[in-house]
Amino acid sequence: MGLNIAGLAAIASFSAFLIKVYSKTDKNENPNYILDPNALPQRPRVWWTAILEWGIFFSIQAWFITAAILILT
């Protein structure tokens, strides 16, 4: 049961990241996929794409740790 919960957290993290990255943005806002090295970036106070990437990392780590604990017990 614990592995299922950790897996659902990982799926939710991946889904949130993909929805954020591929969602349509406003005309005034640059899309997430444009990385022009010559343009001065406008850094937001909270960069949700980076937060969601770290969420993916930690949820996958939690899934691996849960799987290891369940295998050892």
N, C-alpha and C. Protein backbone atom coordinates (compact mmCIF):
# COMPACT_ATOMS: atom_id res chain seq x y z
N MET A 1 0.82 -1.19 0.00
CA MET A 1 0.00 0.00 0.00
C MET A 1 0.87 1.26 0.00
N GLY A 2 1.94 1.24 0.75
CA GLY A 2 2.84 2.40 0.80
C GLY A 2 3.50 2.68 -0.54
N LEU A 3 3.80 1.61 -1.26
CA LEU A 3 4.43 1.78 -2.57
C LEU A 3 3.45 2.40 -3.55
N ASN A 4 2.18 2.07 -3.44
CA ASN A 4 1.16 2.68 -4.29
C ASN A 4 1.03 4.17 -4.04
N ILE A 5 1.07 4.57 -2.77
CA ILE A 5 0.95 5.98 -2.43
C ILE A 5 2.16 6.75 -2.94
N ALA A 6 3.36 6.18 -2.76
CA ALA A 6 4.56 6.83 -3.26
C ALA A 6 4.53 6.91 -4.79
N GLY A 7 4.01 5.87 -5.43
CA GLY A 7 3.89 5.88 -6.89
C GLY A 7 2.90 6.92 -7.37
N LEU A 8 1.80 7.08 -6.66
CA LEU A 8 0.83 8.11 -7.04
C LEU A 8 1.41 9.51 -6.87
N ALA A 9 2.23 9.70 -5.86
CA ALA A 9 2.89 11.00 -5.68
C ALA A 9 3.83 11.28 -6.85
N ALA A 10 4.55 10.26 -7.30
CA ALA A 10 5.45 10.43 -8.44
C ALA A 10 4.66 10.73 -9.71
N ILE A 11 3.57 10.02 -9.92
CA ILE A 11 2.73 10.27 -11.10
C ILE A 11 2.16 11.68 -11.06
N ALA A 12 1.72 12.12 -9.90
CA ALA A 12 1.19 13.48 -9.76
C ALA A 12 2.26 14.53 -10.04
N SER A 13 3.49 14.27 -9.60
CA SER A 13 4.59 15.21 -9.85
C SER A 13 4.91 15.30 -11.34
N PHE A 14 5.00 14.15 -11.99
CA PHE A 14 5.25 14.14 -13.44
C PHE A 14 4.13 14.84 -14.19
N SER A 15 2.89 14.55 -13.81
CA SER A 15 1.74 15.15 -14.50
C SER A 15 1.71 16.66 -14.33
N ALA A 16 1.95 17.14 -13.12
CA ALA A 16 1.95 18.58 -12.87
C ALA A 16 3.05 19.27 -13.67
N PHE A 17 4.21 18.63 -13.75
CA PHE A 17 5.31 19.22 -14.51
C PHE A 17 4.96 19.29 -15.99
N LEU A 18 4.42 18.21 -16.55
CA LEU A 18 4.09 18.20 -17.97
C LEU A 18 2.97 19.18 -18.29
N ILE A 19 1.99 19.30 -17.41
CA ILE A 19 0.92 20.27 -17.63
C ILE A 19 1.48 21.68 -17.60
N LYS A 20 2.38 21.97 -16.68
CA LYS A 20 2.97 23.31 -16.58
C LYS A 20 3.82 23.63 -17.80
N VAL A 21 4.64 22.68 -18.23
CA VAL A 21 5.56 22.95 -19.34
C VAL A 21 4.81 23.09 -20.66
N TYR A 22 3.82 22.25 -20.89
CA TYR A 22 3.14 22.26 -22.18
C TYR A 22 1.85 23.07 -22.19
N SER A 23 1.54 23.76 -21.12
CA SER A 23 0.33 24.59 -21.12
C SER A 23 0.59 25.84 -21.94
N LYS A 24 -0.48 26.35 -22.50
CA LYS A 24 -0.36 27.58 -23.29
C LYS A 24 -0.18 28.75 -22.35
N THR A 25 0.69 29.66 -22.73
CA THR A 25 0.98 30.82 -21.89
C THR A 25 0.31 32.05 -22.48
N ASP A 26 0.29 33.11 -21.71
CA ASP A 26 -0.25 34.37 -22.20
C ASP A 26 0.64 34.92 -23.30
N LYS A 27 0.09 35.83 -24.09
CA LYS A 27 0.88 36.42 -25.18
C LYS A 27 2.00 37.29 -24.64
N ASN A 28 1.82 37.85 -23.45
CA ASN A 28 2.84 38.71 -22.86
C ASN A 28 3.97 37.92 -22.21
N GLU A 29 3.70 36.67 -21.89
CA GLU A 29 4.68 35.84 -21.18
C GLU A 29 5.41 34.95 -22.18
N ASN A 30 6.71 34.83 -22.01
CA ASN A 30 7.48 33.94 -22.87
C ASN A 30 7.16 32.49 -22.53
N PRO A 31 7.06 31.62 -23.54
CA PRO A 31 6.83 30.20 -23.23
C PRO A 31 8.02 29.61 -22.50
N ASN A 32 7.79 28.49 -21.81
CA ASN A 32 8.84 27.85 -21.02
C ASN A 32 9.95 27.27 -21.88
N TYR A 33 9.64 26.92 -23.12
CA TYR A 33 10.62 26.22 -23.93
C TYR A 33 11.55 27.14 -24.72
N ILE A 34 11.40 28.44 -24.61
CA ILE A 34 12.29 29.36 -25.33
C ILE A 34 13.44 29.73 -24.39
N LEU A 35 14.64 29.37 -24.78
CA LEU A 35 15.84 29.69 -24.00
C LEU A 35 16.83 30.40 -24.91
N ASP A 36 16.63 31.68 -25.10
CA ASP A 36 17.51 32.47 -25.96
C ASP A 36 18.67 32.98 -25.12
N PRO A 37 19.92 32.56 -25.42
CA PRO A 37 21.05 33.00 -24.60
C PRO A 37 21.36 34.49 -24.75
N ASN A 38 20.87 35.13 -25.80
CA ASN A 38 21.14 36.56 -26.00
C ASN A 38 20.12 37.45 -25.32
N ALA A 39 18.99 36.92 -24.96
CA ALA A 39 17.94 37.72 -24.31
C ALA A 39 18.16 37.76 -22.80
N LEU A 40 17.89 38.91 -22.23
CA LEU A 40 17.97 39.03 -20.78
C LEU A 40 16.75 38.35 -20.17
N PRO A 41 16.97 37.39 -19.28
CA PRO A 41 15.82 36.67 -18.72
C PRO A 41 15.07 37.51 -17.70
N GLN A 42 13.77 37.33 -17.67
CA GLN A 42 12.96 37.94 -16.63
C GLN A 42 12.66 36.84 -15.62
N ARG A 43 13.38 36.87 -14.53
CA ARG A 43 13.27 35.82 -13.52
C ARG A 43 12.07 36.07 -12.62
N PRO A 44 11.21 35.09 -12.50
CA PRO A 44 10.08 35.24 -11.58
C PRO A 44 10.53 35.03 -10.14
N ARG A 45 9.74 35.53 -9.21
CA ARG A 45 10.07 35.32 -7.79
C ARG A 45 10.01 33.84 -7.44
N VAL A 46 9.00 33.16 -7.92
CA VAL A 46 8.84 31.73 -7.70
C VAL A 46 8.82 31.07 -9.07
N TRP A 47 9.79 30.22 -9.33
CA TRP A 47 9.88 29.57 -10.63
C TRP A 47 9.25 28.18 -10.49
N TRP A 48 7.99 28.08 -10.88
CA TRP A 48 7.23 26.86 -10.66
C TRP A 48 7.77 25.68 -11.44
N THR A 49 8.36 25.93 -12.60
CA THR A 49 8.93 24.82 -13.36
C THR A 49 10.05 24.15 -12.59
N ALA A 50 10.91 24.93 -11.98
CA ALA A 50 12.01 24.36 -11.19
C ALA A 50 11.50 23.66 -9.94
N ILE A 51 10.49 24.22 -9.30
CA ILE A 51 9.91 23.59 -8.12
C ILE A 51 9.31 22.23 -8.48
N LEU A 52 8.62 22.17 -9.62
CA LEU A 52 8.03 20.91 -10.05
C LEU A 52 9.10 19.89 -10.44
N GLU A 53 10.20 20.35 -11.03
CA GLU A 53 11.30 19.43 -11.34
C GLU A 53 11.87 18.80 -10.07
N TRP A 54 12.06 19.62 -9.04
CA TRP A 54 12.56 19.08 -7.78
C TRP A 54 11.52 18.17 -7.13
N GLY A 55 10.25 18.48 -7.33
CA GLY A 55 9.20 17.60 -6.83
C GLY A 55 9.26 16.22 -7.47
N ILE A 56 9.57 16.18 -8.76
CA ILE A 56 9.75 14.90 -9.44
C ILE A 56 10.92 14.14 -8.83
N PHE A 57 12.02 14.83 -8.62
CA PHE A 57 13.21 14.19 -8.06
C PHE A 57 12.91 13.59 -6.70
N PHE A 58 12.31 14.37 -5.81
CA PHE A 58 12.06 13.88 -4.46
C PHE A 58 10.99 12.79 -4.42
N SER A 59 10.00 12.87 -5.29
CA SER A 59 8.97 11.83 -5.29
C SER A 59 9.54 10.51 -5.81
N ILE A 60 10.43 10.56 -6.78
CA ILE A 60 11.06 9.33 -7.27
C ILE A 60 11.98 8.75 -6.19
N GLN A 61 12.70 9.61 -5.50
CA GLN A 61 13.55 9.13 -4.41
C GLN A 61 12.71 8.48 -3.31
N ALA A 62 11.57 9.10 -2.99
CA ALA A 62 10.68 8.52 -1.98
C ALA A 62 10.16 7.17 -2.43
N TRP A 63 9.85 7.04 -3.73
CA TRP A 63 9.37 5.75 -4.24
C TRP A 63 10.45 4.68 -4.12
N PHE A 64 11.70 5.02 -4.49
CA PHE A 64 12.79 4.05 -4.37
C PHE A 64 13.03 3.64 -2.92
N ILE A 65 13.02 4.60 -2.01
CA ILE A 65 13.25 4.30 -0.60
C ILE A 65 12.11 3.43 -0.06
N THR A 66 10.87 3.76 -0.44
CA THR A 66 9.74 2.93 -0.01
C THR A 66 9.84 1.52 -0.54
N ALA A 67 10.22 1.39 -1.81
CA ALA A 67 10.38 0.06 -2.40
C ALA A 67 11.48 -0.73 -1.69
N ALA A 68 12.58 -0.06 -1.39
CA ALA A 68 13.69 -0.75 -0.70
C ALA A 68 13.28 -1.19 0.69
N ILE A 69 12.56 -0.36 1.41
CA ILE A 69 12.13 -0.72 2.76
C ILE A 69 11.17 -1.89 2.71
N LEU A 70 10.25 -1.89 1.74
CA LEU A 70 9.29 -2.98 1.64
C LEU A 70 9.95 -4.29 1.21
N ILE A 71 10.99 -4.20 0.41
CA ILE A 71 11.71 -5.42 0.00
C ILE A 71 12.48 -6.00 1.18
N LEU A 72 13.07 -5.13 2.00
CA LEU A 72 13.88 -5.62 3.12
C LEU A 72 13.05 -6.16 4.28
N THR A 73 11.80 -5.76 4.36
CA THR A 73 10.98 -6.25 5.48
C THR A 73 10.17 -7.46 5.12
